[in-house]
Protein backbone atom coordinates (compact mmCIF):
# COMPACT_ATOMS: atom_id res chain seq x y z
CA UNK A 1 84.00 -120.28 -174.87
CA UNK A 2 81.47 -122.09 -177.04
CA UNK A 3 82.15 -125.24 -179.03
CA UNK A 4 81.15 -124.92 -182.67
CA UNK A 5 83.00 -127.73 -184.46
CA UNK A 6 82.94 -130.63 -182.00
CA UNK A 7 80.46 -133.47 -182.20
CA UNK A 8 78.37 -134.73 -179.32
CA UNK A 9 77.18 -138.23 -178.44
CA UNK A 10 73.64 -138.13 -177.03
CA UNK A 11 72.38 -141.30 -175.35
CA UNK A 12 68.79 -141.97 -174.36
CA UNK A 13 66.64 -144.93 -173.39
CA UNK A 14 63.11 -145.84 -172.40
CA UNK A 15 61.54 -149.04 -171.08
CA UNK A 16 58.36 -150.59 -169.81
CA UNK A 17 58.09 -153.88 -167.86
CA UNK A 18 56.05 -156.85 -168.94
CA UNK A 19 52.37 -156.40 -168.10
CA UNK A 20 51.74 -157.51 -164.51
CA UNK A 21 55.38 -157.10 -163.45
CA UNK A 22 56.52 -154.30 -161.13
CA UNK A 23 60.13 -154.42 -162.33
CA UNK A 24 61.67 -154.84 -165.76
CA UNK A 25 63.92 -157.77 -166.60
CA UNK A 26 65.77 -155.49 -169.05
CA UNK A 27 68.55 -153.23 -167.79
CA UNK A 28 70.07 -150.23 -169.58
CA UNK A 29 73.31 -148.67 -168.28
CA UNK A 30 75.46 -145.92 -169.76
CA UNK A 31 78.73 -144.37 -168.65
CA UNK A 32 81.41 -141.96 -169.80
CA UNK A 33 84.86 -143.50 -169.96
CA UNK A 34 87.19 -141.51 -167.72
CA UNK A 35 89.88 -139.51 -169.53
CA UNK A 36 88.56 -140.60 -172.93
CA UNK A 37 85.94 -139.02 -175.23
CA UNK A 38 83.84 -142.22 -175.23
CA UNK A 39 80.43 -143.23 -173.95
CA UNK A 40 79.63 -146.91 -173.43
CA UNK A 41 76.00 -148.06 -173.23
CA UNK A 42 74.72 -151.55 -172.48
CA UNK A 43 71.27 -153.07 -172.87
CA UNK A 44 70.87 -156.49 -171.24
CA UNK A 45 67.78 -158.71 -171.31
CA UNK A 46 67.70 -161.20 -168.42
CA UNK A 47 66.24 -164.67 -168.80
CA UNK A 48 62.48 -164.56 -168.15
CA UNK A 49 60.96 -161.52 -166.47
CA UNK A 50 60.59 -159.86 -163.08
CA UNK A 51 63.12 -159.71 -160.24
CA UNK A 52 65.25 -162.73 -161.21
CA UNK A 53 65.58 -161.50 -164.78
CA UNK A 54 66.47 -158.04 -163.49
CA UNK A 55 69.26 -159.48 -161.32
CA UNK A 56 70.71 -161.43 -164.26
CA UNK A 57 70.49 -158.40 -166.54
CA UNK A 58 72.04 -156.10 -163.94
CA UNK A 59 74.99 -158.45 -163.43
CA UNK A 60 75.50 -158.73 -167.18
CA UNK A 61 75.19 -155.02 -167.91
CA UNK A 62 77.50 -154.03 -165.05
CA UNK A 63 80.23 -156.44 -166.14
CA UNK A 64 79.85 -155.53 -169.81
CA UNK A 65 80.14 -151.83 -168.98
CA UNK A 66 83.30 -152.39 -166.94
CA UNK A 67 84.99 -154.69 -169.46
CA UNK A 68 84.21 -152.52 -172.48
CA UNK A 69 85.61 -149.44 -170.78
CA UNK A 70 88.82 -151.37 -170.14
CA UNK A 71 91.17 -152.96 -172.67
CA UNK A 72 89.90 -156.53 -172.17
CA UNK A 73 89.47 -158.61 -175.31
CA UNK A 74 85.84 -158.80 -176.54
CA UNK A 75 85.62 -162.59 -176.68
CA UNK A 76 87.27 -162.89 -173.27
CA UNK A 77 84.82 -160.35 -171.82
CA UNK A 78 81.84 -162.33 -173.11
CA UNK A 79 83.31 -165.54 -171.73
CA UNK A 80 83.77 -164.05 -168.24
CA UNK A 81 80.18 -162.79 -168.28
CA UNK A 82 78.82 -166.20 -169.26
CA UNK A 83 80.99 -167.97 -166.68
CA UNK A 84 79.77 -165.66 -163.91
CA UNK A 85 76.00 -165.90 -164.39
CA UNK A 86 74.17 -168.55 -162.34
CA UNK A 87 72.51 -171.49 -164.10
CA UNK A 88 68.69 -171.56 -164.27
CA UNK A 89 67.57 -174.75 -162.45
CA UNK A 90 64.62 -175.21 -164.82
CA UNK A 91 66.03 -174.34 -168.24
CA UNK A 92 69.66 -175.19 -167.46
CA UNK A 93 70.89 -172.02 -169.19
CA UNK A 94 72.57 -169.04 -167.60
CA UNK A 95 73.05 -166.26 -170.02
CA UNK A 96 71.23 -163.01 -170.48
CA UNK A 97 71.46 -161.31 -173.86
CA UNK A 98 73.27 -158.01 -174.32
CA UNK A 99 74.10 -155.22 -176.76
CA UNK A 100 77.11 -153.00 -176.06
CA UNK A 101 77.46 -149.70 -177.92
CA UNK A 102 80.78 -147.86 -177.57
CA UNK A 103 80.87 -144.49 -179.38
CA UNK A 104 83.58 -141.83 -179.29
CA UNK A 105 83.17 -138.14 -180.09
CA UNK A 106 85.71 -138.71 -182.89
CA UNK A 107 83.08 -140.82 -184.67
CA UNK A 108 84.49 -144.29 -184.03
CA UNK A 109 81.80 -146.82 -183.04
CA UNK A 110 82.08 -150.41 -181.76
CA UNK A 111 79.04 -152.60 -181.19
CA UNK A 112 79.04 -156.02 -179.54
CA UNK A 113 75.86 -158.13 -179.69
CA UNK A 114 74.77 -161.40 -178.14
CA UNK A 115 71.19 -162.62 -178.46
CA UNK A 116 69.38 -159.29 -178.80
CA UNK A 117 67.76 -158.12 -182.07
CA UNK A 118 70.27 -156.56 -184.47
CA UNK A 119 71.05 -152.90 -183.94
CA UNK A 120 70.00 -150.31 -186.53
CA UNK A 121 72.28 -147.64 -187.98
CA UNK A 122 69.97 -144.95 -189.34
CA UNK A 123 71.44 -142.30 -191.63
CA UNK A 124 68.85 -139.91 -193.10
CA UNK A 125 68.38 -140.52 -196.81
CA UNK A 126 70.64 -143.60 -196.93
CA UNK A 127 70.35 -147.33 -196.38
CA UNK A 128 73.42 -148.51 -194.45
CA UNK A 129 74.59 -152.11 -194.18
CA UNK A 130 77.17 -152.62 -191.45
CA UNK A 131 79.52 -155.58 -191.72
CA UNK A 132 79.67 -157.85 -188.67
CA UNK A 133 82.38 -160.20 -187.49
CA UNK A 134 81.26 -163.44 -185.81
CA UNK A 135 83.10 -164.61 -182.68
CA UNK A 136 82.68 -167.73 -180.53
CA UNK A 137 83.88 -167.75 -176.91
CA UNK A 138 86.22 -170.72 -176.29
CA UNK A 139 84.19 -172.30 -173.49
CA UNK A 140 80.78 -171.49 -174.97
CA UNK A 141 81.01 -172.72 -178.53
CA UNK A 142 77.22 -172.82 -178.92
CA UNK A 143 76.95 -169.07 -178.46
CA UNK A 144 77.78 -166.38 -181.00
CA UNK A 145 79.04 -162.83 -180.48
CA UNK A 146 78.66 -160.33 -183.31
CA UNK A 147 81.19 -157.48 -183.46
CA UNK A 148 80.91 -154.32 -185.61
CA UNK A 149 83.46 -151.52 -186.01
CA UNK A 150 82.56 -148.48 -188.14
CA UNK A 151 82.56 -144.69 -188.44
CA UNK A 152 79.46 -142.64 -187.68
CA UNK A 153 78.62 -139.27 -189.20
CA UNK A 154 76.74 -136.33 -187.79
CA UNK A 155 72.99 -136.99 -187.72
CA UNK A 156 73.55 -140.75 -187.57
CA UNK A 157 71.50 -142.63 -185.01
CA UNK A 158 72.11 -146.08 -183.55
CA UNK A 159 69.01 -147.87 -182.25
CA UNK A 160 69.12 -151.08 -180.23
CA UNK A 161 66.42 -152.89 -178.28
CA UNK A 162 65.31 -156.00 -176.45
CA UNK A 163 63.13 -158.54 -178.25
CA UNK A 164 60.09 -157.01 -176.57
CA UNK A 165 60.19 -154.51 -179.44
CA UNK A 166 60.62 -156.82 -182.43
CA UNK A 167 58.31 -159.54 -181.04
CA UNK A 168 55.52 -157.14 -180.09
CA UNK A 169 52.19 -158.31 -181.46
CA UNK A 170 53.27 -161.92 -181.98
CA UNK A 171 50.18 -164.05 -182.69
CA UNK A 172 48.00 -161.13 -183.73
CA UNK A 173 46.30 -161.20 -187.13
CA UNK A 174 48.30 -158.25 -188.49
CA UNK A 175 51.62 -159.31 -186.92
CA UNK A 176 51.57 -163.12 -186.57
CA UNK A 177 55.39 -163.25 -186.29
CA UNK A 178 55.79 -160.01 -184.38
CA UNK A 179 56.48 -156.42 -185.42
CA UNK A 180 59.90 -157.37 -186.81
CA UNK A 181 63.15 -155.50 -187.32
CA UNK A 182 62.20 -154.15 -190.77
CA UNK A 183 58.97 -152.59 -189.53
CA UNK A 184 60.75 -151.18 -186.48
CA UNK A 185 63.32 -149.51 -188.73
CA UNK A 186 60.63 -148.13 -191.04
CA UNK A 187 58.80 -146.60 -188.08
CA UNK A 188 62.02 -145.09 -186.66
CA UNK A 189 62.79 -143.51 -190.04
CA UNK A 190 59.25 -142.11 -190.19
CA UNK A 191 59.70 -140.49 -186.78
CA UNK A 192 63.00 -138.94 -187.87
CA UNK A 193 61.47 -137.61 -191.10
CA UNK A 194 58.70 -135.98 -189.07
CA UNK A 195 61.17 -134.46 -186.59
CA UNK A 196 64.78 -134.33 -187.83
CA UNK A 197 66.09 -133.27 -184.41
CA UNK A 198 64.12 -135.75 -182.28
CA UNK A 199 66.15 -136.52 -179.17
CA UNK A 200 67.55 -139.94 -178.34
CA UNK A 201 65.23 -140.30 -175.34
CA UNK A 202 62.13 -139.20 -177.24
CA UNK A 203 62.92 -141.54 -180.12
CA UNK A 204 63.36 -144.40 -177.64
CA UNK A 205 60.08 -143.54 -175.91
CA UNK A 206 58.15 -143.43 -179.18
CA UNK A 207 59.56 -146.81 -180.24
CA UNK A 208 58.58 -148.42 -176.93
CA UNK A 209 55.12 -146.85 -177.00
CA UNK A 210 54.56 -148.15 -180.54
CA UNK A 211 55.56 -151.67 -179.47
CA UNK A 212 53.14 -151.44 -176.54
CA UNK A 213 50.39 -150.26 -178.89
CA UNK A 214 51.02 -153.24 -181.19
CA UNK A 215 50.78 -155.49 -178.11
CA UNK A 216 47.36 -153.99 -177.36
CA UNK A 217 48.87 -151.87 -174.54
CA UNK A 218 49.45 -155.05 -172.51
CA UNK A 219 53.14 -155.79 -173.01
CA UNK A 220 53.80 -159.50 -173.45
CA UNK A 221 57.48 -158.99 -172.54
CA UNK A 222 59.79 -156.35 -171.12
CA UNK A 223 60.22 -153.64 -173.75
CA UNK A 224 63.38 -151.49 -173.88
CA UNK A 225 64.89 -149.27 -176.55
CA UNK A 226 68.21 -147.43 -176.44
CA UNK A 227 69.34 -144.75 -178.88
CA UNK A 228 72.61 -142.98 -179.62
CA UNK A 229 72.47 -139.73 -181.60
CA UNK A 230 75.73 -138.35 -183.04
CA UNK A 231 75.35 -134.65 -183.80
CA UNK A 232 76.42 -131.07 -183.23
CA UNK A 233 76.16 -130.12 -179.55
CA UNK A 234 73.19 -128.18 -178.19
CA UNK A 235 74.54 -125.54 -175.86
CA UNK A 236 73.07 -123.49 -173.01
CA UNK A 237 74.32 -120.49 -171.03
CA UNK A 238 73.07 -119.96 -167.47
CA UNK A 239 73.79 -116.64 -165.80
CA UNK A 240 73.26 -116.51 -162.05
CA UNK A 241 74.36 -114.13 -159.33
CA UNK A 242 75.85 -110.62 -159.47
CA UNK A 243 79.64 -110.36 -160.00
CA UNK A 244 81.80 -109.94 -156.89
CA UNK A 245 83.01 -106.60 -158.23
CA UNK A 246 80.39 -104.22 -159.65
CA UNK A 247 82.88 -103.10 -162.29
CA UNK A 248 82.26 -106.48 -163.93
CA UNK A 249 78.51 -105.92 -164.36
CA UNK A 250 79.10 -104.76 -167.94
CA UNK A 251 81.14 -107.90 -168.66
CA UNK A 252 78.19 -110.00 -167.49
CA UNK A 253 75.81 -108.10 -169.75
CA UNK A 254 78.13 -108.35 -172.76
CA UNK A 255 78.53 -112.09 -172.21
CA UNK A 256 74.75 -112.44 -172.13
CA UNK A 257 74.23 -110.38 -175.27
CA UNK A 258 76.96 -111.99 -177.38
CA UNK A 259 76.43 -115.68 -176.58
CA UNK A 260 75.10 -117.43 -179.76
CA UNK A 261 73.15 -120.03 -177.74
CA UNK A 262 69.94 -120.26 -175.66
CA UNK A 263 70.28 -118.22 -172.46
CA UNK A 264 68.79 -118.40 -168.97
CA UNK A 265 68.97 -115.90 -166.10
CA UNK A 266 68.54 -117.26 -162.57
CA UNK A 267 68.15 -114.52 -159.98
CA UNK A 268 66.30 -111.24 -159.66
CA UNK A 269 69.43 -109.16 -159.01
CA UNK A 270 71.19 -110.77 -161.97
CA UNK A 271 68.21 -110.02 -164.21
CA UNK A 272 68.08 -106.39 -163.03
CA UNK A 273 71.81 -105.89 -163.73
CA UNK A 274 71.51 -107.28 -167.27
CA UNK A 275 68.25 -105.40 -167.96
CA UNK A 276 69.81 -102.12 -166.81
CA UNK A 277 73.01 -102.59 -168.82
CA UNK A 278 71.20 -103.73 -171.98
CA UNK A 279 68.35 -101.23 -171.48
CA UNK A 280 65.66 -103.87 -171.60
CA UNK A 281 62.50 -104.43 -169.59
CA UNK A 282 61.66 -107.31 -167.31
CA UNK A 283 58.05 -108.45 -167.54
CA UNK A 284 56.22 -110.95 -165.38
CA UNK A 285 54.89 -113.97 -167.22
CA UNK A 286 51.12 -113.56 -167.42
CA UNK A 287 48.88 -116.60 -167.23
CA UNK A 288 51.55 -119.05 -166.08
CA UNK A 289 50.66 -121.82 -163.66
CA UNK A 290 51.26 -120.67 -160.10
CA UNK A 291 53.25 -122.93 -157.81
CA UNK A 292 53.40 -122.30 -154.04
CA UNK A 293 56.90 -123.85 -153.84
CA UNK A 294 58.66 -122.24 -156.81
CA UNK A 295 58.68 -118.48 -157.59
CA UNK A 296 57.19 -117.48 -160.96
CA UNK A 297 59.19 -116.77 -164.11
CA UNK A 298 59.63 -113.49 -165.96
CA UNK A 299 60.46 -112.49 -169.53
CA UNK A 300 63.18 -110.37 -171.09
CA UNK A 301 63.94 -109.83 -174.76
CA UNK A 302 66.77 -112.10 -175.95
CA UNK A 303 66.49 -114.64 -173.12
CA UNK A 304 64.76 -118.00 -173.16
CA UNK A 305 63.96 -118.12 -169.44
CA UNK A 306 64.23 -115.74 -166.48
CA UNK A 307 63.73 -117.16 -162.98
CA UNK A 308 64.34 -116.46 -159.31
CA UNK A 309 67.72 -117.66 -158.03
CA UNK A 310 68.52 -120.02 -155.14
CA UNK A 311 65.07 -121.54 -154.51
CA UNK A 312 64.54 -122.32 -158.19
CA UNK A 313 68.07 -123.71 -158.60
CA UNK A 314 67.64 -125.87 -155.49
CA UNK A 315 64.35 -127.31 -156.76
CA UNK A 316 65.90 -127.86 -160.20
CA UNK A 317 68.73 -129.81 -158.56
CA UNK A 318 66.18 -132.03 -156.77
CA UNK A 319 64.32 -132.72 -160.02
CA UNK A 320 67.55 -133.63 -161.82
CA UNK A 321 68.64 -135.96 -159.02
CA UNK A 322 65.26 -137.70 -158.71
CA UNK A 323 64.26 -137.55 -162.38
CA UNK A 324 61.55 -135.46 -164.00
CA UNK A 325 58.08 -136.97 -163.55
CA UNK A 326 56.27 -137.74 -166.80
CA UNK A 327 53.42 -135.45 -165.76
CA UNK A 328 54.42 -132.22 -164.02
CA UNK A 329 53.27 -128.60 -163.97
CA UNK A 330 55.58 -126.38 -166.04
CA UNK A 331 56.89 -124.23 -163.18
CA UNK A 332 60.26 -122.48 -163.37
CA UNK A 333 62.25 -125.41 -161.97
CA UNK A 334 60.61 -127.95 -164.30
CA UNK A 335 61.27 -125.73 -167.32
CA UNK A 336 64.89 -125.17 -166.29
CA UNK A 337 65.49 -128.88 -165.61
CA UNK A 338 64.06 -129.74 -169.03
CA UNK A 339 66.37 -127.20 -170.68
CA UNK A 340 69.34 -128.81 -168.96
CA UNK A 341 68.26 -132.27 -170.12
CA UNK A 342 67.71 -131.04 -173.68
CA UNK A 343 71.19 -129.45 -173.82
CA UNK A 344 74.55 -131.17 -174.29
CA UNK A 345 77.01 -128.54 -173.11
CA UNK A 346 76.03 -126.21 -170.28
CA UNK A 347 78.09 -123.17 -169.38
CA UNK A 348 77.45 -121.43 -166.05
CA UNK A 349 78.49 -117.82 -165.41
CA UNK A 350 78.31 -117.54 -161.61
CA UNK A 351 78.58 -114.24 -159.79
CA UNK A 352 80.28 -114.56 -156.41
CA UNK A 353 78.78 -111.58 -154.63
CA UNK A 354 77.19 -112.90 -151.41
CA UNK A 355 73.44 -112.53 -151.05
CA UNK A 356 72.80 -111.62 -147.42
CA UNK A 357 69.46 -113.45 -147.46
CA UNK A 358 71.32 -116.72 -147.88
CA UNK A 359 73.25 -116.13 -144.64
CA UNK A 360 70.03 -115.95 -142.62
CA UNK A 361 69.90 -118.96 -140.24
CA UNK A 362 66.18 -119.28 -141.08
CA UNK A 363 67.00 -119.80 -144.76
CA UNK A 364 66.39 -123.51 -145.62
CA UNK A 365 69.56 -125.55 -145.22
CA UNK A 366 69.11 -127.30 -148.59
CA UNK A 367 69.55 -123.97 -150.36
CA UNK A 368 73.30 -123.63 -149.95
CA UNK A 369 75.32 -120.76 -151.37
CA UNK A 370 74.54 -120.31 -155.04
CA UNK A 371 77.92 -121.49 -156.29
CA UNK A 372 77.64 -124.75 -154.34
CA UNK A 373 74.20 -125.42 -155.80
CA UNK A 374 75.62 -124.81 -159.27
CA UNK A 375 78.51 -127.20 -158.58
CA UNK A 376 76.04 -129.90 -157.55
CA UNK A 377 73.90 -129.29 -160.63
CA UNK A 378 76.99 -129.52 -162.84
CA UNK A 379 78.00 -132.76 -161.11
CA UNK A 380 74.63 -134.45 -161.65
CA UNK A 381 74.52 -133.25 -165.26
CA UNK A 382 77.97 -134.77 -165.86
CA UNK A 383 77.45 -138.03 -163.97
CA UNK A 384 73.78 -138.86 -164.49
CA UNK A 385 72.97 -137.19 -167.80
CA UNK A 386 76.45 -137.33 -169.39
CA UNK A 387 76.47 -133.63 -170.24
CA UNK A 388 79.55 -131.45 -170.47
CA UNK A 389 79.68 -128.45 -168.16
CA UNK A 390 81.87 -125.43 -167.60
CA UNK A 391 81.68 -123.01 -164.67
CA UNK A 392 83.10 -119.49 -164.84
CA UNK A 393 83.14 -117.35 -161.71
CA UNK A 394 82.71 -113.59 -161.92
């Protein structure tokens, strides 16, 4: 089953710490709300920079995430957060700023802001002005919470950031008062015009890199950008393992041929079954970078990637759990991990015929039975990358 009419909420972020600091004082957290089609994201900017700021921001973001996912009143949530944070002995203030973005697949969006630069709602070809309600927590009358409630459309993007973005370049000749929210929006719109399908993470990264460039590549503050992209889902089909019953080989081939989405084959036996049934050739990729740890890829007409099975899936799982390095050789596992990250809904068709090689006691313990590796990949995609997954056993 493939989802044609549903919308998907893609969330991405990118950050760099203040120059000279090993850790950022900004914290970005995101989480699916259980049993609801909502994703809540929080960006918190702790007072100052470094470890202390990170602790403040982590406390704030964690509480904000929990409260927003629940039914707690917005003003009451903000009040609890402010009551909980410790007081700075020097400045005699306790708060860290935060932006909370709560978006449902139905298109309903809520945004709660305190102290951070205003969020941007970017709709291609339109200038959108979102109305905001102003709230004051009872015990913190000197602080203001802004609340927005609106509907998003497909291709809308919500951008939100710490003041390291808008204040980049402060004091420079060209930007004496900083880059500013208007210039940040203009640059974001330029990026979207140049690439209408730019991902949330890539858009965030480009915004942060531009702020760093304006700062002369020596960030004067922690710089963080979060993005939410509301759009049609990008889907992926992964076929791995021969069916338990050979009579289902044709079903596997027909599924592969008819799926209207990008397709990947993981496993030599699986590839041979599909090639034989569809009467297509398997060709080794010529000129690809060789990797002593990951078997090479192959090519087959109609498929976006063809790889070896268990070893490649196991290495892909490791990359997803640890995070893809910014610089990495494009071996089979890296390419597959990137395809997972670039997709929103991943469907696995998993054959349950046992490969005798995987029962060998000399076979590395981390490469469990194929279906267990797939389960773990699906779990990390759901929990860490907020993808939707579906596993069908054959």
